[in-house]
C-alpha cells in the first residue's frame, strides 16, 4: 500500500481539475501526477531507495508537495525540516533520524557535496540533493511497518523521539479525519499553515478527495485576502492567530466568507475573544479541532452552539476516548484509541505496542467531557509551548540558554497570549558580577544564532533562583 498510489487512483476521474494554486501559478491533477513521477525518476537515479529517510528543506509551495509525493511514491520516507531551523538544528535532525538524503531548495543549506536535481518535474524552484554520510541502521522493526513519514514529537535535542507513520496509517487517519471534515472535489481549500508542521492529515486528505488547495502561507496577509476574494474558498484550516487577523482586516467585509462552509481552528487553544470576534464579523462559528501527531485528528467541534465554543467537539466515529484519574471536577488525562495511530517512535525506537496500553494512547493532556459528549481541554501535563501553530520545547531552549557564558541556569515556559496562543518566555539566573542589561542583549543574539526564530524567548527575566522539586527538577507551572 502506498499513499501516492492511493491519491493517483482516487483522483483518476479528476485529471483536468486544478489541484494546487500558488499565487498566479496553478497545477492540475494530471500535471501533479506526471510531475511527481518525473521527480521520482530523478531521485531514483541519484540512488534513493525504499526505506531511505529523505529530509526535505523547502518553502511551502507547489514544489514542496511534489517533492514529498515523489519521495513517498518510491516507498522512501519523508522527513520534513522547517525552514526556520538553524544549521545546527538541521544537522541534529540529520543525525538523529539517520537521514540518507537531503533535498533542499538552493541557497538554504551547504552545497558542498550536493548535486543539482534539475528542473524535470519541478514547477518553479531549483533543488539540490545531498547524500549524507549516515552509516547507522534503524531498528529491524522499521523495515516491517512500511514507513512513509517521520516527524519529531518533541524537540530536536535531548528527548526527541520522531513519530513514524506508515502508508497504511496515513490512509487510515486521513479517512478517519474526513468523517468530520467531509472534504470533496467541490472544496476550495485556503491553506495558511506551515507544511513542515501540518501535512499528513490535511494536505494528503485534500489531494485524496481531489479538492483544490490555495497556498496562502508565504505572503500573509495579502495572499489570504486574494485567496478569499478571488478563489471563493469553501474551507479554511488555520490557527487562532490567522483568524484573529481575518476578523480585524478592513479589506474583508462581513460577506467575504459567505462561501466558507467550514473554518477549522487548530494548533493552539482557540481563545474565546477570537471566536467571539470572528462570529461578530462573519456570522458563523469557528470549528476548533484537536490534532495529535501520534493519533491524527480525533476531535472537531462542528457545533454551531456558542455555548460549546470552549470545546473541541465530540470524538469522531473511528476513535474512542476515556479520561483517566479524574478529579472531583471530572478532569482527567486523555487516552485515545482508534484508526491511524502511530506505528513507532524512531529515536530511540519503540513500537506501537510498547507505546500504548492495550491500544490506548496517553496524550498527556487534561480535559473534561460534558453530558453531551463534548470534550473541553483544560490544561496540559506536557510542557510543550504552542506558538502560532508551531511547537516550542522548553528543554531544548533551556539547553541553549545554559550554554551561554554567565548563565547559571534557566527556565522556559509558555505565557498565554490572545493572538499567538502562547509566547515562549524565560527566567534566568546569572553570575552576580555581570551587567544584567548587557547579558540580556548578548543572550538574545546568541539565541538567534542557535535557535529557530520562533523558539527564542520573547523576554528574559533575571531571577535569584529557579524553584525546583525535592528531586532537583525544575518546578514547572
Protein backbone atom coordinates (compact mmCIF):
# COMPACT_ATOMS: atom_id res chain seq x y z
CA UNK A 1 0.00 0.00 0.00
CA UNK A 2 1.29 3.47 -0.92
CA UNK A 3 -0.32 6.87 -0.23
CA UNK A 4 0.77 8.33 -3.58
CA UNK A 5 -0.72 5.42 -5.50
CA UNK A 6 -3.90 5.88 -3.45
CA UNK A 7 -4.07 9.58 -4.44
CA UNK A 8 -3.39 8.67 -8.06
CA UNK A 9 -6.16 6.08 -8.06
CA UNK A 10 -8.73 8.21 -6.22
CA UNK A 11 -8.24 11.25 -8.48
CA UNK A 12 -8.35 9.34 -11.76
CA UNK A 13 -11.64 10.97 -12.76
CA UNK A 14 -10.41 14.49 -11.93
CA UNK A 15 -7.25 14.75 -14.02
CA UNK A 16 -8.22 18.09 -15.57
CA UNK A 17 -9.21 19.66 -12.27
CA UNK A 18 -6.91 22.21 -10.59
CA UNK A 19 -5.03 20.60 -7.70
CA UNK A 20 -2.95 23.48 -6.31
CA UNK A 21 -2.90 27.25 -6.75
CA UNK A 22 0.13 29.26 -5.64
CA UNK A 23 -0.30 32.99 -6.35
CA UNK A 24 -0.53 33.24 -10.15
CA UNK A 25 0.60 29.64 -10.74
CA UNK A 26 -1.53 26.51 -10.73
CA UNK A 27 -1.22 22.82 -11.47
CA UNK A 28 -3.85 20.25 -12.45
CA UNK A 29 -4.11 16.73 -11.06
CA UNK A 30 -2.81 15.36 -14.35
CA UNK A 31 0.22 17.67 -14.15
CA UNK A 32 0.71 16.81 -10.50
CA UNK A 33 0.81 13.05 -11.13
CA UNK A 34 3.14 13.48 -14.12
CA UNK A 35 5.49 15.84 -12.25
CA UNK A 36 5.70 13.57 -9.22
CA UNK A 37 6.65 10.62 -11.41
CA UNK A 38 9.30 12.71 -13.22
CA UNK A 39 10.86 13.84 -9.93
CA UNK A 40 10.72 10.29 -8.59
CA UNK A 41 12.60 9.10 -11.67
CA UNK A 42 15.35 11.66 -10.98
CA UNK A 43 15.53 10.71 -7.30
CA UNK A 44 15.85 7.06 -8.21
CA UNK A 45 18.79 7.89 -10.49
CA UNK A 46 20.53 9.54 -7.55
CA UNK A 47 20.10 6.36 -5.53
CA UNK A 48 17.00 6.98 -3.42
CA UNK A 49 15.63 3.57 -2.45
CA UNK A 50 12.68 2.23 -0.44
CA UNK A 51 13.11 2.81 3.32
CA UNK A 52 15.67 5.59 2.77
CA UNK A 53 14.98 8.57 5.01
CA UNK A 54 14.85 11.74 2.93
CA UNK A 55 14.93 15.15 4.56
CA UNK A 56 13.07 17.96 2.80
CA UNK A 57 14.06 21.60 3.31
CA UNK A 58 11.81 23.84 1.25
CA UNK A 59 9.35 26.74 1.47
CA UNK A 60 5.65 25.92 1.28
CA UNK A 61 4.88 25.73 -2.42
CA UNK A 62 3.68 23.51 -5.24
CA UNK A 63 7.19 22.05 -5.36
CA UNK A 64 7.08 21.17 -1.64
CA UNK A 65 4.06 18.97 -2.29
CA UNK A 66 5.52 17.47 -5.48
CA UNK A 67 8.82 16.62 -3.74
CA UNK A 68 7.07 14.98 -0.80
CA UNK A 69 4.86 12.87 -3.05
CA UNK A 70 7.84 11.85 -5.18
CA UNK A 71 9.69 10.53 -2.14
CA UNK A 72 6.58 8.70 -0.95
CA UNK A 73 5.99 7.19 -4.39
CA UNK A 74 9.36 5.43 -4.14
CA UNK A 75 8.39 3.96 -0.74
CA UNK A 76 11.12 6.12 0.76
CA UNK A 77 10.39 8.08 3.92
CA UNK A 78 9.83 11.84 4.01
CA UNK A 79 11.28 13.78 6.96
CA UNK A 80 10.06 17.42 6.94
CA UNK A 81 12.57 20.04 8.10
CA UNK A 82 11.30 23.51 8.90
CA UNK A 83 12.93 26.39 7.05
CA UNK A 84 13.12 28.27 10.35
CA UNK A 85 15.64 25.78 11.76
CA UNK A 86 19.24 26.86 12.16
CA UNK A 87 22.11 24.94 10.58
CA UNK A 88 22.87 23.29 13.92
CA UNK A 89 19.25 22.19 14.32
CA UNK A 90 19.15 20.79 10.78
CA UNK A 91 22.34 18.82 11.35
CA UNK A 92 20.91 17.46 14.58
CA UNK A 93 17.83 16.16 12.74
CA UNK A 94 20.02 14.62 10.04
CA UNK A 95 21.91 12.71 12.70
CA UNK A 96 19.02 11.65 14.94
CA UNK A 97 16.77 10.41 12.13
CA UNK A 98 19.76 8.88 10.32
CA UNK A 99 18.91 10.79 7.13
CA UNK A 100 20.20 9.14 3.93
CA UNK A 101 19.46 12.03 1.55
CA UNK A 102 18.67 15.72 1.97
CA UNK A 103 16.65 17.52 -0.71
CA UNK A 104 16.92 21.26 -0.28
CA UNK A 105 15.95 24.39 -2.10
CA UNK A 106 19.06 26.09 -3.49
CA UNK A 107 20.51 28.58 -1.06
CA UNK A 108 19.00 27.05 2.07
CA UNK A 109 21.82 24.66 3.01
CA UNK A 110 25.51 24.00 2.39
CA UNK A 111 26.00 22.99 -1.26
CA UNK A 112 29.23 21.11 -0.59
CA UNK A 113 28.92 17.57 -1.93
CA UNK A 114 25.44 18.23 -3.34
CA UNK A 115 24.17 17.76 -6.88
CA UNK A 116 21.51 19.70 -8.75
CA UNK A 117 18.29 17.76 -9.27
CA UNK A 118 17.48 19.57 -12.50
CA UNK A 119 14.14 21.06 -13.43
CA UNK A 120 12.46 17.92 -14.71
CA UNK A 121 9.15 17.70 -12.84
CA UNK A 122 9.66 20.72 -10.61
CA UNK A 123 7.37 23.65 -11.12
CA UNK A 124 9.30 26.76 -10.10
CA UNK A 125 12.12 26.08 -7.64
CA UNK A 126 15.62 24.72 -8.07
CA UNK A 127 16.71 21.89 -5.79
CA UNK A 128 19.88 20.15 -4.75
CA UNK A 129 20.21 16.65 -3.38
CA UNK A 130 22.90 15.57 -0.98
CA UNK A 131 23.74 12.04 0.12
CA UNK A 132 24.74 12.04 3.75
CA UNK A 133 27.49 10.06 5.41
CA UNK A 134 24.99 8.17 7.52
CA UNK A 135 26.22 4.67 8.33
CA UNK A 136 23.67 3.90 11.03
CA UNK A 137 20.83 1.48 10.54
CA UNK A 138 17.43 1.79 12.20
CA UNK A 139 15.86 -0.92 14.30
CA UNK A 140 14.93 -4.07 12.36
CA UNK A 141 11.24 -3.43 13.03
CA UNK A 142 11.50 -0.22 10.96
CA UNK A 143 11.58 -2.33 7.78
CA UNK A 144 8.39 -4.17 8.72
CA UNK A 145 6.00 -1.22 9.11
CA UNK A 146 6.05 0.19 5.53
CA UNK A 147 7.25 3.60 6.82
CA UNK A 148 6.26 6.77 4.97
CA UNK A 149 6.76 9.75 7.26
CA UNK A 150 8.81 10.69 10.33
CA UNK A 151 8.28 13.88 12.31
CA UNK A 152 9.54 14.90 15.71
CA UNK A 153 7.00 14.81 18.51
CA UNK A 154 9.48 16.56 20.79
CA UNK A 155 12.38 18.99 20.47
CA UNK A 156 15.36 18.36 18.22
CA UNK A 157 17.64 17.75 21.18
CA UNK A 158 17.53 15.74 24.36
CA UNK A 159 14.24 13.87 24.44
CA UNK A 160 13.41 13.86 20.73
CA UNK A 161 11.53 10.80 19.51
CA UNK A 162 10.44 11.07 15.90
CA UNK A 163 6.93 9.79 15.18
CA UNK A 164 6.90 7.07 12.49
CA UNK A 165 3.79 6.78 10.31
CA UNK A 166 3.30 4.04 7.73
CA UNK A 167 1.42 4.35 4.44
CA UNK A 168 -1.42 2.32 5.92
CA UNK A 169 -1.58 4.59 8.98
CA UNK A 170 -1.72 7.74 6.84
CA UNK A 171 -4.52 6.32 4.71
CA UNK A 172 -6.45 5.27 7.84
CA UNK A 173 -6.12 8.59 9.63
CA UNK A 174 -6.95 10.74 6.60
CA UNK A 175 -10.10 8.67 6.09
CA UNK A 176 -10.94 8.95 9.80
CA UNK A 177 -10.49 12.75 9.79
CA UNK A 178 -12.69 13.06 6.72
CA UNK A 179 -15.65 11.68 8.66
CA UNK A 180 -15.65 15.08 10.34
CA UNK A 181 -14.20 17.35 7.64
CA UNK A 182 -16.18 15.86 4.72
CA UNK A 183 -13.79 17.10 2.01
CA UNK A 184 -14.99 16.86 -1.63
CA UNK A 185 -13.85 17.85 -5.14
CA UNK A 186 -16.05 20.93 -4.77
CA UNK A 187 -13.91 22.29 -1.95
CA UNK A 188 -11.55 25.22 -2.42
CA UNK A 189 -9.09 24.93 0.49
CA UNK A 190 -7.43 28.07 1.88
CA UNK A 191 -4.04 26.96 3.27
CA UNK A 192 -2.03 29.22 5.62
CA UNK A 193 -0.15 26.84 7.96
CA UNK A 194 3.42 25.55 7.71
CA UNK A 195 3.67 22.28 5.78
CA UNK A 196 6.63 21.27 7.93
CA UNK A 197 4.24 21.03 10.88
CA UNK A 198 0.94 20.28 9.15
CA UNK A 199 0.82 17.93 6.15
CA UNK A 200 -0.21 14.33 6.72
CA UNK A 201 -3.86 14.57 7.79
CA UNK A 202 -4.60 17.71 5.82
CA UNK A 203 -2.71 18.13 2.54
CA UNK A 204 -2.79 14.42 1.75
CA UNK A 205 -6.51 14.22 2.56
CA UNK A 206 -7.28 17.26 0.38
CA UNK A 207 -5.44 15.60 -2.51
CA UNK A 208 -7.17 12.24 -1.95
CA UNK A 209 -10.53 13.99 -2.29
CA UNK A 210 -9.48 15.93 -5.43
CA UNK A 211 -10.12 19.32 -3.85
CA UNK A 212 -8.21 22.47 -4.84
CA UNK A 213 -5.59 23.82 -2.42
CA UNK A 214 -4.89 27.55 -2.48
CA UNK A 215 -1.50 28.25 -0.87
CA UNK A 216 -1.54 31.50 1.12
CA UNK A 217 1.12 30.99 3.79
CA UNK A 218 4.09 32.83 2.28
CA UNK A 219 2.72 36.33 1.56
CA UNK A 220 0.46 36.78 4.55
CA UNK A 221 -1.98 38.50 4.83
CA UNK A 222 -2.12 39.75 1.23
CA UNK A 223 -2.32 36.26 -0.26
CA UNK A 224 -5.15 35.35 2.11
CA UNK A 225 -7.22 38.36 1.05
CA UNK A 226 -6.67 37.41 -2.59
CA UNK A 227 -7.47 33.76 -1.87
CA UNK A 228 -10.74 34.70 -0.23
CA UNK A 229 -11.84 37.26 -2.78
CA UNK A 230 -10.59 35.65 -5.97
CA UNK A 231 -10.97 31.94 -5.31
CA UNK A 232 -14.03 31.93 -3.05
CA UNK A 233 -12.67 29.45 -0.53
CA UNK A 234 -15.12 26.94 0.93
CA UNK A 235 -12.82 25.54 3.64
CA UNK A 236 -10.19 27.21 5.85
CA UNK A 237 -7.67 25.33 8.02
CA UNK A 238 -5.77 27.82 10.18
CA UNK A 239 -4.68 28.80 13.70
CA UNK A 240 -6.34 31.31 16.04
CA UNK A 241 -3.58 33.76 15.10
CA UNK A 242 -4.78 33.79 11.49
CA UNK A 243 -8.46 34.03 12.40
CA UNK A 244 -7.75 36.98 14.68
CA UNK A 245 -6.16 38.84 11.78
CA UNK A 246 -9.04 37.97 9.43
CA UNK A 247 -11.53 39.33 11.95
CA UNK A 248 -9.79 42.71 12.06
CA UNK A 249 -8.92 43.20 8.38
CA UNK A 250 -10.65 46.27 7.00
CA UNK A 251 -10.22 44.89 3.47
CA UNK A 252 -12.53 41.97 4.27
CA UNK A 253 -16.24 42.66 4.52
CA UNK A 254 -18.73 40.73 6.63
CA UNK A 255 -19.82 38.91 3.45
CA UNK A 256 -16.27 37.90 2.47
CA UNK A 257 -16.58 34.38 3.88
CA UNK A 258 -20.08 33.64 2.64
CA UNK A 259 -18.72 30.75 0.54
CA UNK A 260 -16.94 29.13 3.51
CA UNK A 261 -18.76 26.02 4.77
CA UNK A 262 -16.19 25.20 7.48
CA UNK A 263 -13.37 27.16 9.15
CA UNK A 264 -11.26 24.89 11.34
CA UNK A 265 -9.11 26.34 14.12
CA UNK A 266 -6.16 24.19 15.07
CA UNK A 267 -2.63 24.13 16.54
CA UNK A 268 -3.39 26.02 19.78
CA UNK A 269 -6.35 26.60 22.08
CA UNK A 270 -8.95 28.89 20.49
CA UNK A 271 -9.40 31.94 22.79
CA UNK A 272 -12.99 32.94 23.48
CA UNK A 273 -12.35 36.52 22.32
CA UNK A 274 -11.07 35.42 18.91
CA UNK A 275 -14.04 33.06 18.47
CA UNK A 276 -16.38 35.89 19.52
CA UNK A 277 -14.82 38.50 17.22
CA UNK A 278 -14.87 36.10 14.27
CA UNK A 279 -18.55 35.33 14.81
CA UNK A 280 -19.45 39.01 15.15
CA UNK A 281 -17.81 39.83 11.83
CA UNK A 282 -18.59 36.80 9.67
CA UNK A 283 -21.71 35.36 11.27
CA UNK A 284 -20.68 31.74 11.87
CA UNK A 285 -18.75 29.76 14.45
CA UNK A 286 -15.16 28.61 14.12
CA UNK A 287 -14.70 24.84 14.48
CA UNK A 288 -11.96 24.10 17.00
CA UNK A 289 -10.06 20.86 16.33
CA UNK A 290 -7.75 18.73 18.46
CA UNK A 291 -4.93 17.13 16.50
CA UNK A 292 -2.07 14.99 17.79
CA UNK A 293 0.82 13.79 15.61
CA UNK A 294 0.72 10.37 17.31
CA UNK A 295 -3.04 9.98 16.77
CA UNK A 296 -4.33 12.15 13.95
CA UNK A 297 -7.40 14.40 14.16
CA UNK A 298 -9.84 12.71 16.57
CA UNK A 299 -11.88 15.80 17.54
CA UNK A 300 -13.55 18.61 15.58
CA UNK A 301 -16.19 20.87 17.09
CA UNK A 302 -18.91 21.02 14.45
CA UNK A 303 -21.50 22.60 16.74
CA UNK A 304 -22.98 26.00 15.93
CA UNK A 305 -23.86 26.47 19.59
CA UNK A 306 -21.99 29.41 21.14
CA UNK A 307 -22.07 27.61 24.49
CA UNK A 308 -19.77 24.94 23.04
CA UNK A 309 -17.05 27.38 21.98
CA UNK A 310 -14.51 26.17 24.53
CA UNK A 311 -14.86 22.58 23.34
CA UNK A 312 -13.06 20.62 20.63
CA UNK A 313 -16.28 18.70 19.97
CA UNK A 314 -17.30 15.07 20.17
CA UNK A 315 -14.89 12.28 19.33
CA UNK A 316 -15.07 11.26 15.65
CA UNK A 317 -16.59 7.84 14.80
CA UNK A 318 -13.32 5.96 14.27
CA UNK A 319 -11.95 6.83 17.71
CA UNK A 320 -12.68 6.06 21.35
CA UNK A 321 -11.77 8.21 24.34
CA UNK A 322 -11.51 7.77 28.09
CA UNK A 323 -10.36 10.06 30.90
CA UNK A 324 -8.04 8.51 33.46
CA UNK A 325 -7.58 9.58 37.09
CA UNK A 326 -10.44 12.07 37.08
CA UNK A 327 -10.60 14.56 39.91
CA UNK A 328 -13.68 15.83 41.74
CA UNK A 329 -14.44 18.17 38.81
CA UNK A 330 -14.36 15.34 36.29
CA UNK A 331 -11.00 16.44 34.86
CA UNK A 332 -8.76 13.58 33.80
CA UNK A 333 -5.95 12.63 31.47
CA UNK A 334 -6.98 11.97 27.86
CA UNK A 335 -6.44 8.46 26.46
CA UNK A 336 -7.41 7.75 22.84
CA UNK A 337 -7.56 4.67 20.63
CA UNK A 338 -8.68 4.19 17.05
CA UNK A 339 -7.57 4.15 13.42
CA UNK A 340 -4.34 5.68 12.20
CA UNK A 341 -2.38 5.56 15.44
CA UNK A 342 1.40 6.00 15.15
CA UNK A 343 3.47 2.96 14.22
CA UNK A 344 6.52 3.72 16.37
CA UNK A 345 8.92 6.26 17.83
CA UNK A 346 12.13 6.32 15.84
CA UNK A 347 14.77 7.58 18.26
CA UNK A 348 15.04 5.65 20.46
CA UNK A 349 12.95 3.01 18.66
CA UNK A 350 9.75 1.99 20.41
CA UNK A 351 6.98 0.12 18.62
CA UNK A 352 3.24 0.74 18.84
CA UNK A 353 2.67 -1.97 21.44
CA UNK A 354 5.40 -0.53 23.63
CA UNK A 355 3.94 2.98 23.42
CA UNK A 356 0.29 2.21 24.04
CA UNK A 357 -1.53 0.29 26.74
CA UNK A 358 -3.84 -2.21 25.01
CA UNK A 359 -4.24 0.19 22.09
CA UNK A 360 -4.80 3.32 24.21
CA UNK A 361 -2.52 6.33 23.72
CA UNK A 362 -1.93 8.66 26.67
CA UNK A 363 -1.93 12.19 25.23
CA UNK A 364 -0.74 13.78 28.47
CA UNK A 365 -3.45 16.44 28.09
CA UNK A 366 -6.11 17.12 30.71
CA UNK A 367 -9.81 17.53 29.87
CA UNK A 368 -13.40 17.06 30.92
CA UNK A 369 -16.44 15.77 28.99
CA UNK A 370 -19.92 17.23 29.34
CA UNK A 371 -23.21 15.31 29.31
CA UNK A 372 -23.46 15.64 25.51
CA UNK A 373 -20.02 14.14 24.93
CA UNK A 374 -18.21 17.41 24.13
CA UNK A 375 -14.55 17.42 25.20
CA UNK A 376 -13.01 20.54 26.70
CA UNK A 377 -9.24 20.62 27.18
CA UNK A 378 -8.37 22.42 30.38
CA UNK A 379 -4.61 22.03 30.56
CA UNK A 380 -1.52 20.11 29.51
CA UNK A 381 0.62 17.87 31.56
CA UNK A 382 3.21 18.14 28.83
CA UNK A 383 5.49 21.16 28.79
CA UNK A 384 5.13 21.97 25.10
CA UNK A 385 4.59 25.65 24.24
CA UNK A 386 2.25 26.29 21.29
CA UNK A 387 3.33 29.47 19.48
CA UNK A 388 1.21 30.46 16.43
CA UNK A 389 0.81 26.84 15.32
CA UNK A 390 4.44 25.85 15.99
CA UNK A 391 5.67 23.89 18.98
CA UNK A 392 8.47 25.05 21.27
CA UNK A 393 10.02 22.61 23.71
CA UNK A 394 11.38 24.19 26.92
CA UNK A 395 14.15 21.66 27.47
CA UNK A 396 15.57 22.41 24.02
CA UNK A 397 15.62 26.19 24.59
CA UNK A 398 16.99 25.82 28.11
CA UNK A 399 19.85 23.71 26.76
CA UNK A 400 20.88 26.64 24.54
CA UNK A 401 20.43 29.29 27.25
CA UNK A 402 22.56 27.27 29.66
CA UNK A 403 25.43 27.18 27.15
CA UNK A 404 25.80 30.96 27.27
CA UNK A 405 28.72 32.15 29.46
CA UNK A 406 27.39 33.73 32.61
CA UNK A 407 24.05 31.89 32.68
CA UNK A 408 23.95 29.52 35.64
CA UNK A 409 20.53 28.02 34.91
CA UNK A 410 17.29 28.80 33.11
CA UNK A 411 13.60 28.03 32.99
CA UNK A 412 11.48 28.39 29.83
CA UNK A 413 7.69 28.32 29.84
CA UNK A 414 4.65 29.47 27.89
CA UNK A 415 2.86 32.70 28.64
CA UNK A 416 -0.73 32.91 27.36
CA UNK A 417 -1.24 35.38 24.52
CA UNK A 418 -4.57 36.36 22.89
CA UNK A 419 -3.24 36.15 19.32
CA UNK A 420 -0.35 33.68 19.31
CA UNK A 421 -1.71 31.15 21.79
CA UNK A 422 1.43 31.21 23.92
CA UNK A 423 4.74 33.06 23.92
CA UNK A 424 7.97 31.36 24.99
CA UNK A 425 9.44 33.35 27.89
CA UNK A 426 12.27 32.63 30.28
CA UNK A 427 13.70 33.14 33.73
CA UNK A 428 17.49 33.03 34.08
CA UNK A 429 19.98 33.00 36.92
CA UNK A 430 23.26 34.76 36.07
CA UNK A 431 26.61 35.28 37.72
CA UNK A 432 26.38 38.17 40.17
CA UNK A 433 29.24 40.23 38.72
CA UNK A 434 27.69 40.58 35.26
CA UNK A 435 25.71 43.51 33.87
CA UNK A 436 22.06 42.48 33.51
CA UNK A 437 21.36 44.73 30.53
CA UNK A 438 24.42 43.62 28.59
CA UNK A 439 23.90 39.92 29.24
CA UNK A 440 20.26 40.04 28.04
CA UNK A 441 21.27 41.77 24.79
CA UNK A 442 24.06 39.28 24.12
CA UNK A 443 21.98 36.30 25.21
CA UNK A 444 19.22 37.23 22.76
CA UNK A 445 21.79 37.44 19.94
CA UNK A 446 23.18 34.05 21.00
CA UNK A 447 19.70 32.51 20.87
CA UNK A 448 19.00 33.83 17.38
CA UNK A 449 22.24 32.23 16.20
CA UNK A 450 21.41 28.85 17.73
CA UNK A 451 17.62 28.53 17.61
CA UNK A 452 14.87 28.96 15.06
CA UNK A 453 13.42 32.46 15.46
CA UNK A 454 10.07 31.30 16.83
CA UNK A 455 11.81 29.37 19.63
CA UNK A 456 13.71 32.37 21.01
CA UNK A 457 12.18 33.58 24.32
CA UNK A 458 10.29 36.83 23.93
CA UNK A 459 11.50 38.00 27.33
CA UNK A 460 14.35 37.20 29.72
CA UNK A 461 13.65 37.76 33.42
CA UNK A 462 16.68 37.67 35.68
CA UNK A 463 15.88 35.95 38.97
CA UNK A 464 17.87 34.92 42.02
CA UNK A 465 16.79 31.28 41.88
CA UNK A 466 14.63 28.83 39.94
CA UNK A 467 12.34 26.77 42.11
CA UNK A 468 12.78 23.01 41.98
CA UNK A 469 11.09 19.89 43.25
CA UNK A 470 12.54 17.75 46.04
CA UNK A 471 14.25 15.62 43.42
CA UNK A 472 16.01 18.62 41.92
CA UNK A 473 13.87 19.03 38.82
CA UNK A 474 12.54 22.42 37.73
CA UNK A 475 9.08 23.02 39.16
CA UNK A 476 7.07 23.71 36.02
CA UNK A 477 3.72 25.51 36.04
